[in-house]
Amino acid sequence: MPTYPADTALIVVDLQPDFMPGGALPCHEGDAIVPGIAALLASGRYATVVATQDWHPADHASFASQHPGRAPFEQITLHGQPQTLWPDHCVAGSPGAALDERIDWNRANLILRKGSRADVDSYSAFFENHGPDGSRPATGLAGWLRERGITSVHVCGLARDYCVLWTAQDACAAGFNVRFLWDLTRPVSPDGDAPTRAALDAAGIGIVEGSNE
């Protein structure tokens, strides 16, 4: 297989047991992408690989359990922004928060943990969601990539309609060329696919279909 240029990085988003079937917050067919991503990392086609890891405290503000009378998947307003309430998931140190053991993560140059602030959700690899002051704090990933000479990123993982989408949008807004590896993502629900495609199109992000791009 050809090797991508050194200025191209792969970002693998939140490939964790809690997002797989049987997990606390399962994505639709979430486990179906594991073999393809494992093969992609093993191929050595990317000189730079970043993996993100959802890593929440047990009292995270996005958990429905922290809002009496509310149920998972209800919408509330948090810090002036819409917030989906989720089942408790990816609690720091729990088995469900581990990176999927079927993948050789030794290929990753950086493992970025996100969502560790109790009062702020964090979908994107580049910025947390809006915080109490109305800003979206940076994770530092953009600077890390630029210092390595990265100009293009390819994104895959879970969930297609939330964390992967936001990562792609923020990467594009930060000035990176972005490719969205559609077949190496899965949504929380297939109902999210049409809005996801529309959002990617609006941002001018290329959708690549086919597990090997």
Protein backbone atom coordinates (compact mmCIF):
# COMPACT_ATOMS: atom_id res chain seq x y z
CA MET A 1 0.00 0.00 0.00
CA PRO A 2 1.19 3.57 -0.61
CA THR A 3 2.29 5.61 2.36
CA TYR A 4 0.73 8.99 2.93
CA PRO A 5 2.99 12.05 2.95
CA ALA A 6 4.59 12.94 6.26
CA ASP A 7 2.34 15.99 6.54
CA THR A 8 -0.80 13.81 6.80
CA ALA A 9 -2.05 12.45 10.14
CA LEU A 10 -4.74 9.95 11.06
CA ILE A 11 -7.06 10.80 13.97
CA VAL A 12 -8.89 7.83 15.48
CA VAL A 13 -11.72 9.11 17.67
CA ASP A 14 -12.97 7.36 20.82
CA LEU A 15 -12.65 3.70 19.87
CA GLN A 16 -13.67 2.49 23.32
CA PRO A 17 -15.79 -0.40 24.68
CA ASP A 18 -18.53 1.87 26.03
CA PHE A 19 -19.29 2.95 22.45
CA MET A 20 -19.47 -0.63 21.15
CA PRO A 21 -22.57 -2.86 21.13
CA GLY A 22 -23.22 -3.90 24.73
CA GLY A 23 -21.48 -0.81 26.06
CA ALA A 24 -22.94 2.01 28.11
CA LEU A 25 -23.50 4.24 25.06
CA PRO A 26 -23.42 1.92 22.04
CA CYS A 27 -23.05 3.30 18.55
CA HIS A 28 -24.94 1.62 15.74
CA GLU A 29 -22.68 -1.25 14.57
CA GLY A 30 -19.79 0.43 16.37
CA ASP A 31 -17.68 -2.72 16.41
CA ALA A 32 -17.87 -3.10 12.61
CA ILE A 33 -15.14 -0.52 12.07
CA VAL A 34 -12.58 -2.08 14.41
CA PRO A 35 -10.99 -4.50 11.89
CA GLY A 36 -10.61 -1.80 9.26
CA ILE A 37 -9.03 0.68 11.65
CA ALA A 38 -6.77 -2.01 13.10
CA ALA A 39 -5.59 -2.86 9.59
CA LEU A 40 -5.08 0.81 8.74
CA LEU A 41 -2.84 1.36 11.74
CA ALA A 42 -0.98 -1.89 11.17
CA SER A 43 -0.29 -0.93 7.54
CA GLY A 44 1.99 1.90 8.59
CA ARG A 45 0.50 4.20 5.97
CA TYR A 46 0.45 7.13 8.40
CA ALA A 47 3.63 8.45 10.00
CA THR A 48 1.53 10.30 12.59
CA VAL A 49 -1.44 8.74 14.38
CA VAL A 50 -3.52 10.39 17.09
CA ALA A 51 -6.06 8.49 19.18
CA THR A 52 -8.61 10.26 21.37
CA GLN A 53 -10.06 8.78 24.52
CA ASP A 54 -13.25 9.97 26.21
CA TRP A 55 -12.30 10.26 29.88
CA HIS A 56 -15.03 11.55 32.17
CA PRO A 57 -15.30 12.02 35.93
CA ALA A 58 -18.20 10.11 37.47
CA ASP A 59 -20.14 13.33 38.04
CA HIS A 60 -19.80 14.67 34.52
CA ALA A 61 -22.37 17.32 33.55
CA SER A 62 -23.35 15.47 30.37
CA PHE A 63 -24.60 12.46 32.31
CA ALA A 64 -28.37 12.27 32.71
CA SER A 65 -27.77 10.81 36.17
CA GLN A 66 -26.52 14.23 37.30
CA HIS A 67 -29.82 15.93 36.40
CA PRO A 68 -32.71 14.72 38.57
CA GLY A 69 -35.84 13.95 36.60
CA ARG A 70 -33.97 13.82 33.30
CA ALA A 71 -33.40 10.78 31.09
CA PRO A 72 -30.61 9.87 28.66
CA PHE A 73 -30.91 11.51 25.22
CA GLU A 74 -33.04 14.39 26.51
CA GLN A 75 -31.89 17.87 25.59
CA ILE A 76 -31.09 20.59 28.12
CA THR A 77 -29.30 23.93 27.96
CA LEU A 78 -25.80 23.90 29.45
CA HIS A 79 -23.74 27.09 29.55
CA GLY A 80 -26.19 28.63 27.09
CA GLN A 81 -25.83 25.85 24.52
CA PRO A 82 -27.90 22.75 23.64
CA GLN A 83 -26.65 19.70 25.48
CA THR A 84 -27.66 16.08 24.93
CA LEU A 85 -27.78 14.11 28.15
CA TRP A 86 -26.01 10.78 27.90
CA PRO A 87 -25.95 7.56 29.88
CA ASP A 88 -22.94 7.42 32.21
CA HIS A 89 -20.07 6.36 29.95
CA CYS A 90 -16.28 6.31 29.65
CA VAL A 91 -15.77 7.03 33.34
CA ALA A 92 -12.05 7.56 33.89
CA GLY A 93 -10.29 4.32 34.80
CA SER A 94 -13.27 2.08 34.04
CA PRO A 95 -13.06 -0.86 31.61
CA GLY A 96 -15.51 0.90 29.27
CA ALA A 97 -13.16 3.87 28.96
CA ALA A 98 -10.16 1.79 27.83
CA LEU A 99 -9.02 1.93 24.24
CA ASP A 100 -10.26 -1.07 22.25
CA GLU A 101 -7.85 -3.93 22.90
CA ARG A 102 -8.22 -5.34 19.39
CA ILE A 103 -6.07 -2.51 18.02
CA ASP A 104 -2.32 -2.11 18.43
CA TRP A 105 -2.19 1.36 19.96
CA ASN A 106 1.61 1.28 19.94
CA ARG A 107 1.16 2.79 16.48
CA ALA A 108 -0.30 5.95 18.05
CA ASN A 109 2.06 8.88 18.53
CA LEU A 110 -0.38 10.66 20.83
CA ILE A 111 -3.30 9.51 22.97
CA LEU A 112 -5.42 12.54 23.81
CA ARG A 113 -7.84 12.24 26.70
CA LYS A 114 -10.82 14.57 26.56
CA GLY A 115 -13.91 15.34 28.61
CA SER A 116 -12.11 15.29 31.96
CA ARG A 117 -13.60 18.60 33.16
CA ALA A 118 -16.75 17.82 35.14
CA ASP A 119 -18.69 20.86 33.94
CA VAL A 120 -17.84 20.81 30.21
CA ASP A 121 -18.58 18.19 27.57
CA SER A 122 -15.94 17.48 24.95
CA TYR A 123 -16.81 16.00 21.56
CA SER A 124 -14.01 17.33 19.37
CA ALA A 125 -10.34 16.38 19.51
CA PHE A 126 -9.47 20.05 19.03
CA PHE A 127 -11.79 21.98 21.35
CA GLU A 128 -13.99 21.18 24.30
CA ASN A 129 -17.64 22.18 24.09
CA HIS A 130 -18.72 25.57 25.41
CA GLY A 131 -17.76 26.17 29.03
CA PRO A 132 -19.22 28.46 31.71
CA ASP A 133 -17.52 31.52 30.21
CA GLY A 134 -18.94 30.83 26.74
CA SER A 135 -15.62 29.83 25.21
CA ARG A 136 -14.50 26.49 23.80
CA PRO A 137 -11.15 25.68 25.41
CA ALA A 138 -8.53 24.25 23.06
CA THR A 139 -7.09 20.79 23.72
CA GLY A 140 -3.71 21.76 22.25
CA LEU A 141 -3.97 19.23 19.43
CA ALA A 142 -3.80 21.81 16.63
CA GLY A 143 -0.50 23.17 17.92
CA TRP A 144 0.90 19.68 18.44
CA LEU A 145 0.07 18.74 14.84
CA ARG A 146 1.48 21.95 13.41
CA GLU A 147 4.75 21.51 15.29
CA ARG A 148 5.04 18.13 13.59
CA GLY A 149 4.47 19.72 10.17
CA ILE A 150 0.97 18.27 9.72
CA THR A 151 -1.25 20.05 7.20
CA SER A 152 -3.83 17.33 6.45
CA VAL A 153 -5.83 15.03 8.73
CA HIS A 154 -7.96 11.98 8.05
CA VAL A 155 -10.59 11.26 10.70
CA CYS A 156 -12.38 8.05 11.68
CA GLY A 157 -13.89 6.40 14.76
CA LEU A 158 -16.93 6.96 16.97
CA ALA A 159 -19.41 8.50 16.91
CA ARG A 160 -19.84 9.66 13.34
CA ASP A 161 -22.58 12.18 14.18
CA TYR A 162 -20.92 13.70 17.24
CA CYS A 163 -17.25 13.36 18.13
CA VAL A 164 -15.94 12.49 14.67
CA LEU A 165 -18.05 15.17 13.01
CA TRP A 166 -17.00 17.87 15.48
CA THR A 167 -13.36 16.82 15.16
CA ALA A 168 -13.55 17.13 11.38
CA GLN A 169 -15.30 20.50 11.53
CA ASP A 170 -12.82 21.93 14.02
CA ALA A 171 -9.86 20.58 12.05
CA CYS A 172 -11.19 22.31 8.96
CA ALA A 173 -11.81 25.56 10.83
CA ALA A 174 -8.25 25.39 12.17
CA GLY A 175 -6.91 25.33 8.62
CA PHE A 176 -6.15 21.64 8.11
CA ASN A 177 -7.16 19.78 4.97
CA VAL A 178 -9.66 17.17 6.14
CA ARG A 179 -10.82 13.82 4.81
CA PHE A 180 -13.71 12.09 6.57
CA LEU A 181 -13.35 8.30 6.31
CA TRP A 182 -17.07 7.56 6.26
CA ASP A 183 -16.91 3.75 6.25
CA LEU A 184 -14.54 3.78 9.21
CA THR A 185 -17.09 5.64 11.34
CA ARG A 186 -20.45 4.71 12.82
CA PRO A 187 -23.20 6.92 14.28
CA VAL A 188 -25.03 6.82 17.58
CA SER A 189 -28.08 6.37 15.36
CA PRO A 190 -28.41 6.08 11.57
CA ASP A 191 -30.91 8.94 11.83
CA GLY A 192 -27.89 11.18 12.23
CA ASP A 193 -26.32 10.30 8.89
CA ALA A 194 -28.18 12.77 6.68
CA PRO A 195 -27.49 15.75 8.97
CA THR A 196 -23.86 14.65 9.26
CA ARG A 197 -23.42 14.57 5.50
CA ALA A 198 -25.06 17.98 5.23
CA ALA A 199 -22.77 19.44 7.90
CA LEU A 200 -19.67 18.04 6.21
CA ASP A 201 -20.79 19.38 2.86
CA ALA A 202 -21.45 22.81 4.36
CA ALA A 203 -17.92 22.85 5.77
CA GLY A 204 -16.41 21.73 2.47
CA ILE A 205 -15.03 18.54 4.01
CA GLY A 206 -14.43 15.63 1.67
CA ILE A 207 -16.22 12.39 2.46
CA VAL A 208 -14.22 9.32 1.48
CA GLU A 209 -16.24 6.12 1.14
CA GLY A 210 -14.49 2.78 1.16
CA SER A 211 -12.62 1.39 4.16
CA ASN A 212 -9.23 1.90 2.56
CA GLU A 213 -10.03 5.44 1.39
